[in-house]
N, C-alpha and C. Protein backbone atom coordinates (compact mmCIF):
# COMPACT_ATOMS: atom_id res chain seq x y z
N MET A 1 1.43 -11.54 4.65
CA MET A 1 2.58 -12.24 5.11
C MET A 1 3.78 -11.85 4.43
N PHE A 2 4.72 -11.41 5.08
CA PHE A 2 6.06 -10.83 4.67
C PHE A 2 5.96 -10.03 3.34
N GLY A 3 4.85 -9.27 3.17
CA GLY A 3 4.81 -8.37 2.10
C GLY A 3 4.44 -9.08 0.70
N TYR A 4 3.95 -10.22 0.77
CA TYR A 4 3.63 -11.00 -0.42
C TYR A 4 2.14 -11.25 -0.46
N GLY A 5 1.63 -11.70 -1.60
CA GLY A 5 0.24 -11.84 -1.82
C GLY A 5 -0.36 -13.13 -1.18
N LYS A 6 -1.72 -13.24 -1.36
CA LYS A 6 -2.53 -14.22 -0.78
C LYS A 6 -2.15 -15.66 -1.36
N MET A 7 -1.80 -15.74 -2.64
CA MET A 7 -1.41 -17.03 -3.16
C MET A 7 -0.05 -17.55 -2.55
N SER A 8 0.80 -16.69 -2.38
CA SER A 8 2.11 -17.08 -1.75
C SER A 8 1.92 -17.48 -0.33
N GLY A 9 1.13 -16.72 0.37
CA GLY A 9 0.83 -17.10 1.81
C GLY A 9 0.15 -18.46 1.96
N CYS A 10 -0.77 -18.70 1.05
CA CYS A 10 -1.48 -19.97 1.04
C CYS A 10 -0.53 -21.13 0.69
N ALA A 11 0.33 -20.86 -0.27
CA ALA A 11 1.34 -21.92 -0.63
C ALA A 11 2.31 -22.22 0.45
N VAL A 12 2.73 -21.22 1.16
CA VAL A 12 3.58 -21.45 2.35
C VAL A 12 2.90 -22.23 3.37
N ALA A 13 1.63 -21.90 3.61
CA ALA A 13 0.78 -22.60 4.61
C ALA A 13 0.60 -24.06 4.14
N ALA A 14 0.37 -24.35 2.90
CA ALA A 14 0.12 -25.68 2.38
C ALA A 14 1.40 -26.50 2.56
N ILE A 15 2.55 -25.93 2.09
CA ILE A 15 3.78 -26.66 2.28
C ILE A 15 4.11 -26.95 3.75
N SER A 16 3.84 -26.01 4.59
CA SER A 16 4.08 -26.24 5.97
C SER A 16 3.21 -27.42 6.53
N ALA A 17 2.02 -27.49 6.14
CA ALA A 17 1.09 -28.58 6.51
C ALA A 17 1.71 -29.96 6.07
N LEU A 18 2.19 -29.99 4.92
CA LEU A 18 2.78 -31.23 4.35
C LEU A 18 4.10 -31.54 5.05
N ALA A 19 4.87 -30.53 5.47
CA ALA A 19 6.07 -30.75 6.23
C ALA A 19 5.87 -31.29 7.61
N GLU A 20 4.76 -30.90 8.22
CA GLU A 20 4.39 -31.44 9.52
C GLU A 20 4.20 -32.98 9.52
N VAL A 21 3.74 -33.55 8.43
CA VAL A 21 3.52 -34.96 8.35
C VAL A 21 4.47 -35.71 7.47
N HIS A 22 5.48 -35.05 6.99
CA HIS A 22 6.36 -35.63 6.04
C HIS A 22 7.18 -36.83 6.63
N ALA A 23 7.57 -36.78 7.80
CA ALA A 23 8.43 -37.80 8.36
C ALA A 23 7.65 -39.11 8.55
N LYS A 24 6.28 -38.95 8.74
CA LYS A 24 5.38 -40.09 8.86
C LYS A 24 4.92 -40.71 7.59
N GLY A 25 5.26 -40.06 6.42
CA GLY A 25 4.89 -40.57 5.14
C GLY A 25 3.40 -40.42 4.83
N ILE A 26 2.77 -39.49 5.47
CA ILE A 26 1.26 -39.31 5.34
C ILE A 26 1.03 -38.33 4.17
N THR A 27 0.01 -38.68 3.45
CA THR A 27 -0.36 -37.76 2.33
C THR A 27 -1.66 -36.96 2.83
N LEU A 28 -1.79 -35.75 2.31
CA LEU A 28 -3.00 -34.95 2.79
C LEU A 28 -3.75 -34.50 1.49
N SER A 29 -5.04 -34.59 1.52
CA SER A 29 -5.81 -34.09 0.50
C SER A 29 -5.83 -32.56 0.46
N SER A 30 -6.29 -31.88 -0.57
CA SER A 30 -6.35 -30.41 -0.60
C SER A 30 -7.34 -29.99 0.48
N HIS A 31 -8.40 -30.80 0.69
CA HIS A 31 -9.40 -30.50 1.69
C HIS A 31 -8.82 -30.52 3.07
N GLN A 32 -8.04 -31.55 3.38
CA GLN A 32 -7.38 -31.61 4.64
C GLN A 32 -6.37 -30.51 4.92
N ILE A 33 -5.60 -30.16 3.82
CA ILE A 33 -4.72 -29.00 3.94
C ILE A 33 -5.50 -27.69 4.27
N ALA A 34 -6.53 -27.49 3.46
CA ALA A 34 -7.32 -26.32 3.66
C ALA A 34 -7.91 -26.25 5.08
N GLU A 35 -8.44 -27.36 5.54
CA GLU A 35 -9.01 -27.40 6.82
C GLU A 35 -8.04 -27.10 7.98
N SER A 36 -6.84 -27.71 7.84
CA SER A 36 -5.81 -27.57 8.85
C SER A 36 -5.27 -26.17 8.89
N ARG A 37 -5.38 -25.46 7.82
CA ARG A 37 -4.82 -24.04 7.81
C ARG A 37 -5.97 -22.92 7.70
N ASN A 38 -7.25 -23.42 7.79
CA ASN A 38 -8.33 -22.45 7.74
C ASN A 38 -8.30 -21.66 6.44
N LEU A 39 -8.15 -22.33 5.33
CA LEU A 39 -8.00 -21.72 4.00
C LEU A 39 -9.22 -22.29 3.13
N SER A 40 -9.39 -21.61 2.05
CA SER A 40 -10.48 -21.96 1.07
C SER A 40 -9.98 -23.20 0.25
N GLN A 41 -10.76 -24.30 0.23
CA GLN A 41 -10.37 -25.50 -0.46
C GLN A 41 -10.13 -25.29 -1.94
N PRO A 42 -10.98 -24.48 -2.67
CA PRO A 42 -10.61 -24.23 -4.06
C PRO A 42 -9.32 -23.56 -4.29
N LEU A 43 -9.03 -22.71 -3.38
CA LEU A 43 -7.79 -21.99 -3.53
C LEU A 43 -6.59 -22.88 -3.28
N VAL A 44 -6.79 -23.69 -2.21
CA VAL A 44 -5.71 -24.71 -2.04
C VAL A 44 -5.54 -25.66 -3.12
N GLY A 45 -6.55 -26.05 -3.74
CA GLY A 45 -6.61 -26.95 -4.88
C GLY A 45 -5.78 -26.29 -6.06
N LYS A 46 -5.98 -25.04 -6.33
CA LYS A 46 -5.25 -24.38 -7.37
C LYS A 46 -3.74 -24.23 -7.02
N ILE A 47 -3.55 -23.99 -5.77
CA ILE A 47 -2.06 -23.83 -5.28
C ILE A 47 -1.37 -25.15 -5.45
N MET A 48 -2.07 -26.26 -5.03
CA MET A 48 -1.45 -27.58 -5.11
C MET A 48 -1.16 -27.93 -6.57
N THR A 49 -1.92 -27.52 -7.53
CA THR A 49 -1.63 -27.78 -8.87
C THR A 49 -0.32 -27.06 -9.26
N VAL A 50 -0.15 -25.91 -8.96
CA VAL A 50 1.00 -25.17 -9.25
C VAL A 50 2.29 -25.80 -8.58
N LEU A 51 2.18 -26.09 -7.25
CA LEU A 51 3.20 -26.73 -6.55
C LEU A 51 3.60 -28.11 -7.14
N SER A 52 2.59 -28.77 -7.63
CA SER A 52 2.89 -30.10 -8.24
C SER A 52 3.67 -29.91 -9.62
N GLN A 53 3.20 -28.96 -10.43
CA GLN A 53 3.79 -28.69 -11.69
C GLN A 53 5.26 -28.25 -11.51
N ALA A 54 5.51 -27.57 -10.36
CA ALA A 54 6.87 -27.14 -10.14
C ALA A 54 7.75 -28.18 -9.50
N GLY A 55 7.16 -29.31 -9.22
CA GLY A 55 7.98 -30.44 -8.62
C GLY A 55 8.22 -30.34 -7.14
N LEU A 56 7.42 -29.50 -6.46
CA LEU A 56 7.62 -29.41 -4.95
C LEU A 56 6.83 -30.41 -4.29
N VAL A 57 5.71 -30.77 -4.82
CA VAL A 57 4.80 -31.82 -4.15
C VAL A 57 4.48 -32.89 -5.21
N ILE A 58 4.13 -34.04 -4.69
CA ILE A 58 3.71 -35.17 -5.62
C ILE A 58 2.28 -35.44 -5.18
N GLY A 59 1.43 -35.44 -6.16
CA GLY A 59 -0.05 -35.71 -5.87
C GLY A 59 -0.44 -37.09 -6.49
N ASN A 60 -1.21 -37.75 -5.67
CA ASN A 60 -1.80 -39.03 -6.11
C ASN A 60 -3.32 -38.92 -6.16
N ARG A 61 -3.97 -39.28 -7.26
CA ARG A 61 -5.42 -39.16 -7.36
C ARG A 61 -6.14 -40.35 -6.78
N GLY A 62 -7.42 -40.20 -6.66
CA GLY A 62 -8.33 -41.37 -6.29
C GLY A 62 -8.43 -41.50 -4.79
N PRO A 63 -9.19 -42.56 -4.42
CA PRO A 63 -9.41 -42.82 -2.92
C PRO A 63 -8.03 -42.97 -2.28
N GLY A 64 -7.86 -42.36 -1.15
CA GLY A 64 -6.64 -42.54 -0.43
C GLY A 64 -5.52 -41.68 -0.99
N GLY A 65 -5.82 -40.93 -2.06
CA GLY A 65 -4.79 -40.06 -2.69
C GLY A 65 -4.54 -38.83 -1.83
N GLY A 66 -3.70 -38.02 -2.30
CA GLY A 66 -3.38 -36.76 -1.67
C GLY A 66 -1.97 -36.24 -2.12
N TYR A 67 -1.46 -35.35 -1.41
CA TYR A 67 -0.20 -34.70 -1.60
C TYR A 67 0.83 -35.02 -0.61
N ARG A 68 2.08 -35.08 -1.00
CA ARG A 68 3.17 -35.20 -0.14
C ARG A 68 4.31 -34.30 -0.75
N LEU A 69 5.31 -33.97 0.07
CA LEU A 69 6.40 -33.17 -0.47
C LEU A 69 7.26 -34.04 -1.32
N ALA A 70 7.76 -33.50 -2.35
CA ALA A 70 8.70 -34.17 -3.37
C ALA A 70 10.10 -34.28 -2.72
N ARG A 71 10.36 -33.38 -1.82
CA ARG A 71 11.79 -33.37 -1.25
C ARG A 71 11.61 -33.24 0.31
N PRO A 72 12.65 -33.41 1.01
CA PRO A 72 12.50 -33.19 2.45
C PRO A 72 12.24 -31.79 2.83
N PRO A 73 11.58 -31.50 3.89
CA PRO A 73 11.23 -30.02 4.21
C PRO A 73 12.46 -29.18 4.31
N GLY A 74 13.54 -29.68 4.73
CA GLY A 74 14.72 -28.83 4.84
C GLY A 74 15.35 -28.51 3.54
N ALA A 75 14.93 -29.17 2.48
CA ALA A 75 15.43 -28.90 1.15
C ALA A 75 14.57 -28.00 0.27
N ILE A 76 13.54 -27.47 0.90
CA ILE A 76 12.63 -26.60 0.25
C ILE A 76 12.68 -25.22 0.92
N THR A 77 13.01 -24.16 0.21
CA THR A 77 13.18 -22.90 0.81
C THR A 77 11.77 -22.13 0.67
N VAL A 78 11.56 -21.19 1.60
CA VAL A 78 10.35 -20.32 1.49
C VAL A 78 10.46 -19.41 0.27
N LEU A 79 11.60 -19.01 -0.09
CA LEU A 79 11.77 -18.22 -1.33
C LEU A 79 11.38 -18.97 -2.57
N GLU A 80 11.73 -20.26 -2.66
CA GLU A 80 11.40 -21.04 -3.81
C GLU A 80 9.89 -21.13 -3.95
N VAL A 81 9.13 -21.28 -2.85
CA VAL A 81 7.72 -21.30 -2.90
C VAL A 81 7.17 -19.92 -3.27
N VAL A 82 7.55 -18.87 -2.63
CA VAL A 82 7.05 -17.54 -2.87
C VAL A 82 7.33 -17.12 -4.29
N GLU A 83 8.49 -17.41 -4.85
CA GLU A 83 8.77 -17.04 -6.25
C GLU A 83 7.93 -17.67 -7.21
N LEU A 84 7.31 -18.83 -6.96
CA LEU A 84 6.41 -19.42 -7.87
C LEU A 84 5.19 -18.56 -8.10
N PHE A 85 4.79 -17.87 -7.13
CA PHE A 85 3.49 -17.11 -7.18
C PHE A 85 3.74 -15.61 -7.34
N GLU A 86 4.87 -15.12 -7.00
CA GLU A 86 5.20 -13.75 -7.03
C GLU A 86 6.11 -13.45 -8.25
N GLY A 87 6.80 -14.38 -8.74
CA GLY A 87 7.81 -14.10 -9.83
C GLY A 87 8.97 -13.35 -9.19
N HIS A 88 9.91 -12.93 -9.98
CA HIS A 88 11.02 -12.20 -9.49
C HIS A 88 10.56 -10.75 -9.35
N ARG A 89 10.58 -10.23 -8.18
CA ARG A 89 10.15 -8.85 -7.94
C ARG A 89 11.12 -7.83 -8.54
N ASP A 90 10.52 -6.84 -9.09
CA ASP A 90 11.29 -5.73 -9.76
C ASP A 90 11.95 -4.86 -8.72
N GLY A 91 13.30 -4.99 -8.64
CA GLY A 91 14.01 -4.22 -7.75
C GLY A 91 13.99 -2.74 -8.02
N ASN A 92 13.60 -2.37 -9.25
CA ASN A 92 13.63 -0.99 -9.68
C ASN A 92 12.25 -0.28 -9.43
N SER A 93 11.30 -0.96 -8.86
CA SER A 93 10.04 -0.31 -8.61
C SER A 93 10.25 0.77 -7.58
N CYS A 94 9.67 1.85 -7.78
CA CYS A 94 9.94 3.08 -6.94
C CYS A 94 8.64 3.51 -6.29
N PRO A 95 8.77 3.86 -5.00
CA PRO A 95 7.48 4.30 -4.39
C PRO A 95 7.07 5.69 -4.82
N PHE A 96 8.00 6.42 -5.45
CA PHE A 96 7.62 7.74 -5.98
C PHE A 96 6.98 7.68 -7.39
N GLY A 97 6.90 6.48 -7.86
CA GLY A 97 6.29 6.28 -9.19
C GLY A 97 7.24 6.19 -10.39
N PRO A 98 6.78 5.85 -11.52
CA PRO A 98 7.74 5.75 -12.73
C PRO A 98 8.42 7.10 -12.99
N GLY A 99 9.63 6.99 -13.41
CA GLY A 99 10.34 8.19 -13.84
C GLY A 99 11.42 8.61 -12.79
N TRP A 100 11.50 7.90 -11.72
CA TRP A 100 12.45 8.30 -10.71
C TRP A 100 13.65 7.42 -10.86
N CYS A 101 13.59 6.23 -10.16
CA CYS A 101 14.73 5.33 -10.12
C CYS A 101 14.85 4.72 -11.49
N GLY A 102 16.11 4.65 -11.94
CA GLY A 102 16.41 4.04 -13.24
C GLY A 102 16.49 5.15 -14.32
N VAL A 103 16.07 6.37 -13.93
CA VAL A 103 16.13 7.53 -14.87
C VAL A 103 16.82 8.65 -14.08
N GLY A 104 18.10 8.75 -14.34
CA GLY A 104 18.86 9.75 -13.54
C GLY A 104 19.14 9.35 -12.16
N GLU A 105 19.10 10.26 -11.28
CA GLU A 105 19.45 9.98 -9.81
C GLU A 105 18.32 9.13 -9.22
N PRO A 106 18.67 8.14 -8.31
CA PRO A 106 17.60 7.40 -7.68
C PRO A 106 16.85 8.18 -6.67
N CYS A 107 15.63 7.69 -6.30
CA CYS A 107 14.88 8.54 -5.37
C CYS A 107 15.50 8.49 -4.03
N PRO A 108 15.06 9.30 -3.05
CA PRO A 108 15.71 9.35 -1.74
C PRO A 108 15.64 8.04 -0.94
N LEU A 109 14.71 7.13 -1.30
CA LEU A 109 14.56 5.90 -0.47
C LEU A 109 15.18 4.71 -1.25
N HIS A 110 15.70 4.86 -2.47
CA HIS A 110 16.09 3.76 -3.24
C HIS A 110 17.07 2.82 -2.60
N HIS A 111 18.14 3.32 -2.07
CA HIS A 111 19.23 2.49 -1.46
C HIS A 111 18.68 1.77 -0.21
N THR A 112 17.82 2.41 0.58
CA THR A 112 17.31 1.79 1.77
C THR A 112 16.36 0.66 1.39
N LEU A 113 15.50 0.90 0.41
CA LEU A 113 14.54 -0.02 -0.01
C LEU A 113 15.20 -1.23 -0.78
N ALA A 114 16.27 -0.97 -1.52
CA ALA A 114 16.96 -2.01 -2.22
C ALA A 114 17.71 -2.94 -1.13
N LYS A 115 18.19 -2.33 -0.05
CA LYS A 115 18.83 -3.14 0.91
C LYS A 115 17.88 -3.97 1.68
N MET A 116 16.70 -3.42 2.00
CA MET A 116 15.55 -4.16 2.62
C MET A 116 15.08 -5.33 1.76
N SER A 117 14.98 -5.13 0.48
CA SER A 117 14.61 -6.18 -0.45
C SER A 117 15.62 -7.27 -0.45
N ASP A 118 16.91 -6.90 -0.50
CA ASP A 118 17.95 -7.94 -0.55
C ASP A 118 17.94 -8.74 0.63
N LEU A 119 17.78 -8.06 1.82
CA LEU A 119 17.76 -8.81 3.14
C LEU A 119 16.57 -9.73 3.26
N ALA A 120 15.46 -9.33 2.77
CA ALA A 120 14.22 -10.19 2.80
C ALA A 120 14.40 -11.40 1.88
N SER A 121 14.99 -11.19 0.75
CA SER A 121 15.30 -12.34 -0.13
C SER A 121 16.20 -13.26 0.42
N ALA A 122 17.27 -12.75 0.99
CA ALA A 122 18.33 -13.63 1.65
C ALA A 122 17.71 -14.42 2.79
N SER A 123 16.88 -13.78 3.57
CA SER A 123 16.22 -14.48 4.69
C SER A 123 15.35 -15.61 4.21
N LEU A 124 14.53 -15.34 3.19
CA LEU A 124 13.61 -16.30 2.64
C LEU A 124 14.37 -17.48 1.97
N ARG A 125 15.51 -17.12 1.41
CA ARG A 125 16.35 -18.11 0.79
C ARG A 125 16.96 -19.14 1.80
N GLU A 126 17.22 -18.60 2.98
CA GLU A 126 17.82 -19.45 4.03
C GLU A 126 16.76 -20.25 4.83
N MET A 127 15.51 -19.70 4.80
CA MET A 127 14.47 -20.35 5.61
C MET A 127 13.87 -21.50 4.88
N THR A 128 13.89 -22.64 5.54
CA THR A 128 13.31 -23.89 4.94
C THR A 128 12.05 -24.27 5.78
N PHE A 129 11.44 -25.40 5.36
CA PHE A 129 10.26 -25.87 6.11
C PHE A 129 10.60 -26.93 7.16
N ALA A 130 11.91 -27.06 7.42
CA ALA A 130 12.36 -28.10 8.40
C ALA A 130 11.78 -27.87 9.81
N PRO A 131 11.62 -26.65 10.25
CA PRO A 131 11.04 -26.42 11.62
C PRO A 131 9.65 -27.02 11.77
N PHE A 132 8.90 -27.35 10.78
CA PHE A 132 7.54 -27.78 10.79
C PHE A 132 7.48 -29.32 10.97
N ILE A 133 8.59 -29.98 10.75
CA ILE A 133 8.62 -31.49 10.82
C ILE A 133 8.13 -31.83 12.25
N ASP A 134 7.05 -32.68 12.26
CA ASP A 134 6.56 -33.17 13.59
C ASP A 134 6.21 -32.05 14.53
N HIS A 135 5.81 -30.86 13.99
CA HIS A 135 5.45 -29.77 14.83
C HIS A 135 4.05 -29.22 14.43
N PRO A 136 3.01 -30.01 14.89
CA PRO A 136 1.64 -29.63 14.37
C PRO A 136 1.23 -28.27 14.90
N LYS A 137 0.33 -27.65 14.11
CA LYS A 137 -0.34 -26.42 14.49
C LYS A 137 -1.00 -26.54 15.78
N GLN A 138 -0.71 -25.51 16.63
CA GLN A 138 -1.36 -25.51 18.00
C GLN A 138 -2.81 -25.16 17.95
């Protein structure tokens, strides 16, 4: 998914599941989130811990517990979620390997790849989870 790893994709899926039920005030367990998105429950459990520690979700333990978004879906960006799991990507990584970009002249693809990376980040920064409100998975 958009060139990022499995953890980021799972986190985006989990947040989207919570965004779907946010307006109704419903909490979802990690099992319910995993089932709704066809994901591994242990993986979702790990993801929810990270999202909770970052303050993006609020978790309640015990019977009837579960997770809910800490902020409205429109106030959470996809970039915010992805960066939790990917960190800040190195804009100087070069497809030609170490020793090209950042050492003398940039590689032949440097400017194109830098522009693509900037566009992707800008798009993810503008993209929120608002479209998932009351829009259940088909």
